[in-house]
C-alpha atoms as a PDB file:
ATOM      1  CA  MET A   1       2.278 132.842 -76.006  1.00  0.00           C
ATOM      2  CA  PHE A   2       5.157 130.842 -76.453  1.00  0.00           C
ATOM      3  CA  GLU A   3       3.592 128.228 -79.448  1.00  0.00           C
ATOM      4  CA  LYS A   4       2.977 132.020 -81.087  1.00  0.00           C
ATOM      5  CA  LEU A   5       6.545 132.929 -80.837  1.00  0.00           C
ATOM      6  CA  ARG A   6       7.844 129.446 -82.020  1.00  0.00           C
ATOM      7  CA  THR A   7       5.777 130.536 -85.385  1.00  0.00           C
ATOM      8  CA  VAL A   8       6.864 133.964 -85.964  1.00  0.00           C
ATOM      9  CA  ARG A   9      10.035 132.919 -85.707  1.00  0.00           C
ATOM     10  CA  GLY A  10       9.282 129.921 -88.264  1.00  0.00           C
ATOM     11  CA  VAL A  11       7.940 131.971 -90.641  1.00  0.00           C
ATOM     12  CA  ALA A  12      10.972 134.373 -90.302  1.00  0.00           C
ATOM     13  CA  ARG A  13      12.957 131.838 -90.860  1.00  0.00           C
ATOM     14  CA  SER A  14      10.912 130.660 -94.170  1.00  0.00           C
ATOM     15  CA  LEU A  15      11.340 134.437 -95.357  1.00  0.00           C
ATOM     16  CA  ARG A  16      15.164 134.976 -94.444  1.00  0.00           C
ATOM     17  CA  ILE A  17      15.665 131.758 -96.761  1.00  0.00           C
ATOM     18  CA  TYR A  18      13.437 132.564 -99.582  1.00  0.00           C
ATOM     19  CA  TYR A  19      13.659 136.607-100.252  1.00  0.00           C
ATOM     20  CA  ARG A  20      17.689 136.283-100.486  1.00  0.00           C
ATOM     21  CA  GLY A  21      18.350 139.153-102.980  1.00  0.00           C
ATOM     22  CA  ARG A  22      18.108 140.219-106.160  1.00  0.00           C
ATOM     23  CA  PRO A  23      20.342 137.539-107.555  1.00  0.00           C
ATOM     24  CA  ARG A  24      18.353 134.425-106.663  1.00  0.00           C
ATOM     25  CA  ARG A  25      15.061 136.160-107.909  1.00  0.00           C
ATOM     26  CA  ALA A  26      16.720 136.589-111.582  1.00  0.00           C
ATOM     27  CA  ALA A  27      17.639 133.399-111.337  1.00  0.00           C
ATOM     28  CA  MET A  28      14.321 132.143-110.442  1.00  0.00           C
ATOM     29  CA  ASP A  29      12.588 133.792-113.293  1.00  0.00           C
ATOM     30  CA  ASP A  30      15.204 133.053-116.024  1.00  0.00           C
ATOM     31  CA  PHE A  31      14.653 129.005-114.389  1.00  0.00           C
ATOM     32  CA  TYR A  32      10.678 129.258-114.794  1.00  0.00           C
ATOM     33  CA  ARG A  33      10.535 131.296-118.394  1.00  0.00           C
ATOM     34  CA  ARG A  34      10.657 127.849-120.123  1.00  0.00           C
ATOM     35  CA  PHE A  35       7.053 127.542-118.367  1.00  0.00           C
ATOM     36  CA  VAL A  36       5.206 130.815-117.379  1.00  0.00           C
ATOM     37  CA  LYS A  37       4.888 133.778-119.453  1.00  0.00           C
ATOM     38  CA  ARG A  38       2.926 137.025-119.927  1.00  0.00           C
ATOM     39  CA  GLY A  39      -1.270 136.261-119.183  1.00  0.00           C
ATOM     40  CA  ASP A  40      -0.835 132.337-117.915  1.00  0.00           C
ATOM     41  CA  LEU A  41      -2.460 130.790-115.543  1.00  0.00           C
ATOM     42  CA  VAL A  42      -0.242 129.441-112.842  1.00  0.00           C
ATOM     43  CA  PHE A  43      -0.948 127.348-109.686  1.00  0.00           C
ATOM     44  CA  ASP A  44       1.572 127.218-106.665  1.00  0.00           C
ATOM     45  CA  ILE A  45       0.208 124.268-105.001  1.00  0.00           C
ATOM     46  CA  GLY A  46       1.984 124.917-100.878  1.00  0.00           C
ATOM     47  CA  ALA A  47       3.123 128.009-101.650  1.00  0.00           C
ATOM     48  CA  HIS A  48       4.262 128.740 -97.937  1.00  0.00           C
ATOM     49  CA  VAL A  49       5.865 131.990 -97.798  1.00  0.00           C
ATOM     50  CA  GLY A  50       5.532 133.314-101.915  1.00  0.00           C
ATOM     51  CA  ASP A  51       8.427 133.152-103.616  1.00  0.00           C
ATOM     52  CA  ARG A  52       7.392 131.224-106.320  1.00  0.00           C
ATOM     53  CA  VAL A  53       4.492 133.379-106.619  1.00  0.00           C
ATOM     54  CA  GLY A  54       6.341 136.292-106.473  1.00  0.00           C
ATOM     55  CA  SER A  55       8.423 135.059-109.654  1.00  0.00           C
ATOM     56  CA  PHE A  56       5.232 133.817-111.553  1.00  0.00           C
ATOM     57  CA  ARG A  57       3.619 137.461-111.217  1.00  0.00           C
ATOM     58  CA  ARG A  58       7.428 139.317-112.543  1.00  0.00           C
ATOM     59  CA  LEU A  59       6.911 136.798-115.194  1.00  0.00           C
ATOM     60  CA  GLY A  60       3.177 138.665-115.850  1.00  0.00           C
ATOM     61  CA  ALA A  61       1.513 135.607-114.797  1.00  0.00           C
ATOM     62  CA  ARG A  62      -1.653 135.581-112.866  1.00  0.00           C
ATOM     63  CA  VAL A  63      -1.490 132.806-109.926  1.00  0.00           C
ATOM     64  CA  VAL A  64      -3.476 130.922-107.756  1.00  0.00           C
ATOM     65  CA  ALA A  65      -1.467 129.681-104.300  1.00  0.00           C
ATOM     66  CA  ALA A  66      -2.897 127.225-102.638  1.00  0.00           C
ATOM     67  CA  GLU A  67      -1.263 127.178 -99.128  1.00  0.00           C
ATOM     68  CA  PRO A  68      -3.200 125.677 -95.941  1.00  0.00           C
ATOM     69  CA  GLN A  69      -1.550 126.376 -93.204  1.00  0.00           C
ATOM     70  CA  HIS A  70      -2.802 129.331 -91.227  1.00  0.00           C
ATOM     71  CA  ALA A  71       0.056 131.865 -90.579  1.00  0.00           C
ATOM     72  CA  LEU A  72       1.752 131.095 -94.014  1.00  0.00           C
ATOM     73  CA  ALA A  73      -1.528 131.939 -95.807  1.00  0.00           C
ATOM     74  CA  THR A  74      -2.126 135.206 -93.879  1.00  0.00           C
ATOM     75  CA  THR A  75       1.846 135.940 -94.909  1.00  0.00           C
ATOM     76  CA  LEU A  76       0.582 135.197 -98.650  1.00  0.00           C
ATOM     77  CA  LYS A  77      -2.228 138.002 -97.913  1.00  0.00           C
ATOM     78  CA  LEU A  78       0.043 140.153 -95.895  1.00  0.00           C
ATOM     79  CA  ILE A  79       2.489 140.380 -99.059  1.00  0.00           C
ATOM     80  CA  TYR A  80       0.090 139.596-102.093  1.00  0.00           C
ATOM     81  CA  GLY A  81      -3.480 140.755-100.610  1.00  0.00           C
ATOM     82  CA  ARG A  82      -3.491 143.905-102.701  1.00  0.00           C
ATOM     83  CA  ASP A  83      -2.184 142.210-106.230  1.00  0.00           C
ATOM     84  CA  ARG A  84      -5.511 141.336-108.203  1.00  0.00           C
ATOM     85  CA  GLY A  85      -3.729 138.810-109.806  1.00  0.00           C
ATOM     86  CA  VAL A  86      -2.823 136.302-107.030  1.00  0.00           C
ATOM     87  CA  THR A  87      -5.890 134.658-105.504  1.00  0.00           C
ATOM     88  CA  ILE A  88      -4.983 132.806-102.533  1.00  0.00           C
ATOM     89  CA  GLU A  89      -6.871 129.672-101.228  1.00  0.00           C
ATOM     90  CA  ARG A  90      -6.370 128.448 -97.829  1.00  0.00           C
ATOM     91  CA  VAL A  91      -7.126 124.670 -98.620  1.00  0.00           C
ATOM     92  CA  ALA A  92      -4.709 121.447 -99.007  1.00  0.00           C
ATOM     93  CA  VAL A  93      -4.846 119.849-102.052  1.00  0.00           C
ATOM     94  CA  GLY A  94      -5.586 116.451-102.513  1.00  0.00           C
ATOM     95  CA  ARG A  95      -7.148 113.195-104.676  1.00  0.00           C
ATOM     96  CA  SER A  96     -10.745 114.302-103.084  1.00  0.00           C
ATOM     97  CA  GLU A  97     -12.431 117.303-101.932  1.00  0.00           C
ATOM     98  CA  GLY A  98     -13.122 117.221 -97.616  1.00  0.00           C
ATOM     99  CA  THR A  99     -10.904 117.950 -94.922  1.00  0.00           C
ATOM    100  CA  VAL A 100      -7.172 116.657 -93.911  1.00  0.00           C
ATOM    101  CA  GLU A 101      -5.078 116.435 -90.992  1.00  0.00           C
ATOM    102  CA  LEU A 102      -1.539 118.668 -90.622  1.00  0.00           C
ATOM    103  CA  ARG A 103       0.967 117.926 -89.063  1.00  0.00           C
ATOM    104  CA  ILE A 104       2.571 121.715 -88.480  1.00  0.00           C
ATOM    105  CA  ASN A 105       6.191 121.689 -87.103  1.00  0.00           C
ATOM    106  CA  THR A 106       5.841 125.014 -85.662  1.00  0.00           C
ATOM    107  CA  ALA A 107       9.694 125.931 -85.990  1.00  0.00           C
ATOM    108  CA  ASN A 108      10.214 124.448 -89.662  1.00  0.00           C
ATOM    109  CA  PRO A 109       6.550 125.486 -91.182  1.00  0.00           C
ATOM    110  CA  THR A 110       8.009 124.440 -94.812  1.00  0.00           C
ATOM    111  CA  VAL A 111       7.642 120.600 -93.971  1.00  0.00           C
ATOM    112  CA  SER A 112       4.897 120.650 -92.200  1.00  0.00           C
ATOM    113  CA  THR A 113       2.504 117.916 -94.065  1.00  0.00           C
ATOM    114  CA  ALA A 114      -0.570 116.162 -94.357  1.00  0.00           C
ATOM    115  CA  SER A 115       1.411 112.743 -94.827  1.00  0.00           C
ATOM    116  CA  ASP A 116       1.931 110.491 -92.115  1.00  0.00           C
ATOM    117  CA  ASP A 117       3.989 108.161 -94.023  1.00  0.00           C
ATOM    118  CA  PHE A 118       6.337 111.564 -94.953  1.00  0.00           C
ATOM    119  CA  ILE A 119       6.690 111.923 -90.932  1.00  0.00           C
ATOM    120  CA  ARG A 120       7.927 108.063 -90.015  1.00  0.00           C
ATOM    121  CA  SER A 121      10.035 107.989 -93.542  1.00  0.00           C
ATOM    122  CA  SER A 122      12.181 110.612 -91.465  1.00  0.00           C
ATOM    123  CA  GLN A 123      12.838 109.896 -88.280  1.00  0.00           C
ATOM    124  CA  GLY A 124      16.636 109.357 -87.894  1.00  0.00           C
ATOM    125  CA  ALA A 125      17.209 109.661 -91.951  1.00  0.00           C
ATOM    126  CA  PRO A 126      20.301 112.271 -92.657  1.00  0.00           C
ATOM    127  CA  GLY A 127      19.414 115.833 -92.694  1.00  0.00           C
ATOM    128  CA  TRP A 128      16.394 115.531 -90.677  1.00  0.00           C
ATOM    129  CA  GLN A 129      17.223 115.405 -87.143  1.00  0.00           C
ATOM    130  CA  GLY A 130      15.303 117.383 -84.794  1.00  0.00           C
ATOM    131  CA  GLN A 131      12.471 117.744 -87.049  1.00  0.00           C
ATOM    132  CA  LYS A 132       9.287 117.590 -84.536  1.00  0.00           C
ATOM    133  CA  TRP A 133       5.726 117.832 -85.960  1.00  0.00           C
ATOM    134  CA  ASN A 134       4.362 119.529 -82.599  1.00  0.00           C
ATOM    135  CA  ARG A 135       1.060 120.269 -83.687  1.00  0.00           C
ATOM    136  CA  THR A 136      -1.892 119.085 -85.728  1.00  0.00           C
ATOM    137  CA  VAL A 137      -4.801 120.591 -87.219  1.00  0.00           C
ATOM    138  CA  THR A 138      -8.091 120.117 -89.787  1.00  0.00           C
ATOM    139  CA  VAL A 139      -7.931 121.996 -92.985  1.00  0.00           C
ATOM    140  CA  PRO A 140     -10.206 122.214 -95.807  1.00  0.00           C
ATOM    141  CA  MET A 141      -8.806 119.598 -98.762  1.00  0.00           C
ATOM    142  CA  THR A 142      -9.930 120.238-102.459  1.00  0.00           C
ATOM    143  CA  THR A 143      -8.904 118.853-105.746  1.00  0.00           C
ATOM    144  CA  LEU A 144      -6.717 120.128-108.696  1.00  0.00           C
ATOM    145  CA  ASP A 145      -9.606 119.210-110.568  1.00  0.00           C
ATOM    146  CA  ALA A 146     -11.680 121.208-108.573  1.00  0.00           C
ATOM    147  CA  LEU A 147      -9.208 124.353-108.613  1.00  0.00           C
ATOM    148  CA  ILE A 148      -9.543 124.338-112.191  1.00  0.00           C
ATOM    149  CA  ALA A 149     -13.196 124.271-112.286  1.00  0.00           C
ATOM    150  CA  ARG A 150     -13.004 127.388-110.488  1.00  0.00           C
ATOM    151  CA  HIS A 151     -10.194 129.205-112.088  1.00  0.00           C
ATOM    152  CA  GLY A 152      -9.212 127.914-115.286  1.00  0.00           C
ATOM    153  CA  LYS A 153      -6.675 125.458-116.385  1.00  0.00           C
ATOM    154  CA  PRO A 154      -3.485 126.712-116.246  1.00  0.00           C
ATOM    155  CA  THR A 155      -0.339 126.249-118.451  1.00  0.00           C
ATOM    156  CA  PHE A 156       2.411 125.432-115.475  1.00  0.00           C
ATOM    157  CA  ILE A 157       1.543 123.824-111.628  1.00  0.00           C
ATOM    158  CA  LYS A 158       4.151 123.559-108.935  1.00  0.00           C
ATOM    159  CA  ILE A 159       3.241 120.979-106.492  1.00  0.00           C
ATOM    160  CA  ASP A 160       5.356 120.893-103.154  1.00  0.00           C
ATOM    161  CA  VAL A 161       3.397 119.656-100.368  1.00  0.00           C
ATOM    162  CA  GLU A 162       6.195 117.216 -98.430  1.00  0.00           C
ATOM    163  CA  GLY A 163       4.961 113.577 -98.810  1.00  0.00           C
ATOM    164  CA  PHE A 164       1.494 114.410 -99.858  1.00  0.00           C
ATOM    165  CA  GLU A 165       2.527 114.736-103.945  1.00  0.00           C
ATOM    166  CA  ALA A 166       0.924 111.826-105.316  1.00  0.00           C
ATOM    167  CA  GLU A 167      -2.327 112.916-103.354  1.00  0.00           C
ATOM    168  CA  ALA A 168      -2.023 116.084-105.365  1.00  0.00           C
ATOM    169  CA  LEU A 169      -1.607 114.763-108.746  1.00  0.00           C
ATOM    170  CA  ALA A 170      -3.971 112.017-108.057  1.00  0.00           C
ATOM    171  CA  GLY A 171      -6.632 114.752-108.435  1.00  0.00           C
ATOM    172  CA  LEU A 172      -5.500 115.794-111.363  1.00  0.00           C
ATOM    173  CA  THR A 173      -7.401 114.094-114.769  1.00  0.00           C
ATOM    174  CA  ALA A 174      -6.090 115.829-117.328  1.00  0.00           C
ATOM    175  CA  PRO A 175      -2.608 117.214-118.317  1.00  0.00           C
ATOM    176  CA  VAL A 176      -1.776 120.977-118.371  1.00  0.00           C
ATOM    177  CA  PRO A 177       1.392 121.609-120.309  1.00  0.00           C
ATOM    178  CA  ALA A 178       3.924 121.079-117.239  1.00  0.00           C
ATOM    179  CA  LEU A 179       3.732 120.182-113.756  1.00  0.00           C
ATOM    180  CA  SER A 180       6.346 119.988-111.436  1.00  0.00           C
ATOM    181  CA  PHE A 181       6.532 118.189-108.202  1.00  0.00           C
ATOM    182  CA  GLU A 182       8.391 117.808-105.224  1.00  0.00           C
ATOM    183  CA  PHE A 183      10.686 114.595-104.376  1.00  0.00           C
ATOM    184  CA  THR A 184      13.095 113.371-100.959  1.00  0.00           C
ATOM    185  CA  THR A 185      15.384 110.514-100.811  1.00  0.00           C
ATOM    186  CA  ILE A 186      13.622 109.548 -97.551  1.00  0.00           C
ATOM    187  CA  GLN A 187      10.820 108.718-100.009  1.00  0.00           C
ATOM    188  CA  ARG A 188      11.758 107.573-103.281  1.00  0.00           C
ATOM    189  CA  ASP A 189       8.677 105.350-103.803  1.00  0.00           C
ATOM    190  CA  LEU A 190       6.921 108.473-103.655  1.00  0.00           C
ATOM    191  CA  ALA A 191       8.690 109.807-106.152  1.00  0.00           C
ATOM    192  CA  LEU A 192       8.310 107.194-108.506  1.00  0.00           C
ATOM    193  CA  ALA A 193       4.702 107.021-107.732  1.00  0.00           C
ATOM    194  CA  CYS A 194       4.580 110.196-109.390  1.00  0.00           C
ATOM    195  CA  ILE A 195       6.496 109.679-112.266  1.00  0.00           C
ATOM    196  CA  ASP A 196       4.128 107.231-113.362  1.00  0.00           C
ATOM    197  CA  ARG A 197       1.386 109.277-111.929  1.00  0.00           C
ATOM    198  CA  CYS A 198       2.835 111.906-115.112  1.00  0.00           C
ATOM    199  CA  ILE A 199       2.863 108.829-117.252  1.00  0.00           C
ATOM    200  CA  ALA A 200      -0.814 107.489-116.900  1.00  0.00           C
ATOM    201  CA  LEU A 201      -1.704 111.870-117.418  1.00  0.00           C
ATOM    202  CA  GLY A 202       0.022 111.909-120.749  1.00  0.00           C
ATOM    203  CA  TYR A 203       3.666 113.254-119.951  1.00  0.00           C
ATOM    204  CA  PRO A 204       6.471 112.181-122.035  1.00  0.00           C
ATOM    205  CA  LYS A 205       9.442 114.245-120.928  1.00  0.00           C
ATOM    206  CA  PHE A 206      10.747 115.165-117.821  1.00  0.00           C
ATOM    207  CA  ASN A 207      14.133 116.779-116.133  1.00  0.00           C
ATOM    208  CA  ALA A 208      14.840 117.573-112.885  1.00  0.00           C
ATOM    209  CA  VAL A 209      16.354 120.304-110.248  1.00  0.00           C
ATOM    210  CA  LEU A 210      18.477 119.109-106.639  1.00  0.00           C
ATOM    211  CA  GLY A 211      17.527 121.641-103.725  1.00  0.00           C
ATOM    212  CA  GLU A 212      17.417 125.181-104.294  1.00  0.00           C
ATOM    213  CA  SER A 213      19.634 125.154-107.352  1.00  0.00           C
ATOM    214  CA  LEU A 214      17.543 126.260-109.854  1.00  0.00           C
ATOM    215  CA  GLN A 215      19.751 124.239-112.063  1.00  0.00           C
ATOM    216  CA  TRP A 216      19.024 121.601-114.841  1.00  0.00           C
ATOM    217  CA  GLU A 217      20.207 117.899-114.357  1.00  0.00           C
ATOM    218  CA  TRP A 218      20.044 117.312-117.866  1.00  0.00           C
ATOM    219  CA  PRO A 219      20.595 119.871-121.000  1.00  0.00           C
ATOM    220  CA  ALA A 220      17.674 118.096-123.005  1.00  0.00           C
ATOM    221  CA  ASP A 221      14.283 116.479-121.531  1.00  0.00           C
ATOM    222  CA  VAL A 222      14.755 112.565-120.630  1.00  0.00           C
ATOM    223  CA  SER A 223      12.065 109.889-120.802  1.00  0.00           C
ATOM    224  CA  ALA A 224      10.309 108.798-117.422  1.00  0.00           C
ATOM    225  CA  ASP A 225      12.586 105.353-117.340  1.00  0.00           C
ATOM    226  CA  ASP A 226      15.842 107.893-117.198  1.00  0.00           C
ATOM    227  CA  ALA A 227      14.277 109.834-114.507  1.00  0.00           C
ATOM    228  CA  LYS A 228      13.048 106.770-112.582  1.00  0.00           C
ATOM    229  CA  LEU A 229      17.098 105.837-112.647  1.00  0.00           C
ATOM    230  CA  TRP A 230      18.231 108.577-111.684  1.00  0.00           C
ATOM    231  CA  VAL A 231      16.076 109.042-108.796  1.00  0.00           C
ATOM    232  CA  THR A 232      16.862 105.281-107.431  1.00  0.00           C
ATOM    233  CA  SER A 233      20.437 106.056-107.775  1.00  0.00           C
ATOM    234  CA  LEU A 234      20.620 109.142-106.096  1.00  0.00           C
ATOM    235  CA  PRO A 235      22.305 109.475-102.556  1.00  0.00           C
ATOM    236  CA  VAL A 236      20.296 110.048 -99.628  1.00  0.00           C
ATOM    237  CA  GLU A 237      22.721 113.241 -99.012  1.00  0.00           C
ATOM    238  CA  ALA A 238      20.934 114.797-102.058  1.00  0.00           C
ATOM    239  CA  ASN A 239      17.769 115.125 -99.983  1.00  0.00           C
ATOM    240  CA  SER A 240      15.347 116.676-102.169  1.00  0.00           C
ATOM    241  CA  GLY A 241      14.469 118.311-105.057  1.00  0.00           C
ATOM    242  CA  ASP A 242      11.729 118.571-108.072  1.00  0.00           C
ATOM    243  CA  ILE A 243      10.371 116.482-110.969  1.00  0.00           C
ATOM    244  CA  TYR A 244       9.741 118.409-113.978  1.00  0.00           C
ATOM    245  CA  ALA A 245       7.378 117.092-116.191  1.00  0.00           C
ATOM    246  CA  ALA A 246       5.851 118.547-119.933  1.00  0.00           C
ATOM    247  CA  ARG A 247       3.996 117.612-122.563  1.00  0.00           C
END
């Protein structure tokens, strides 16, 4: 009973954070218009409570939302289950199809992860104090290639999977027009590996956003080398953000 209450509180906390009223929704829509237009297909990998799903739908895109956490996938179904433009895939996304162990942070489900390295890197790191991964579940895992085979090629892929981003990108063998992946300053090497994977896929242009600012770090796209230099020079207090790769 106590575990269920903690889960409800954790999901409610995420809903309060990520559905913060009209100004944030408008800013998010303006931001994603660069990548998404009416009629497009978008993949939201690590959809969480679906704030990005809402933005992509307001922009007129169809959305495949992948979310392996039972409580969050159920929340997505409650919000978007009647929307024929949204397909909810209750799966993790990695380099191969099968299953994976998911470490659940019940109080803060946004940092639940399939990466033990992510948890180890967080220990004692500034801004990560008090985070506890208190439960482990086995969840189905698929690949980006398999999702494309099922649903079609997306115009944009958003990847936010708490230290499992390189694994997700390893399951993509051909580029889509643009994608984003989350990074943290506790795992800079992972961010650099993701940039290298984007280079291998043929992406020449990069930009970035810190946190939930929805503000570009550079007025124009930069090279992979410049993006790498920026990541390595960030103070640890910067914590996290998203890197965008485009063709």
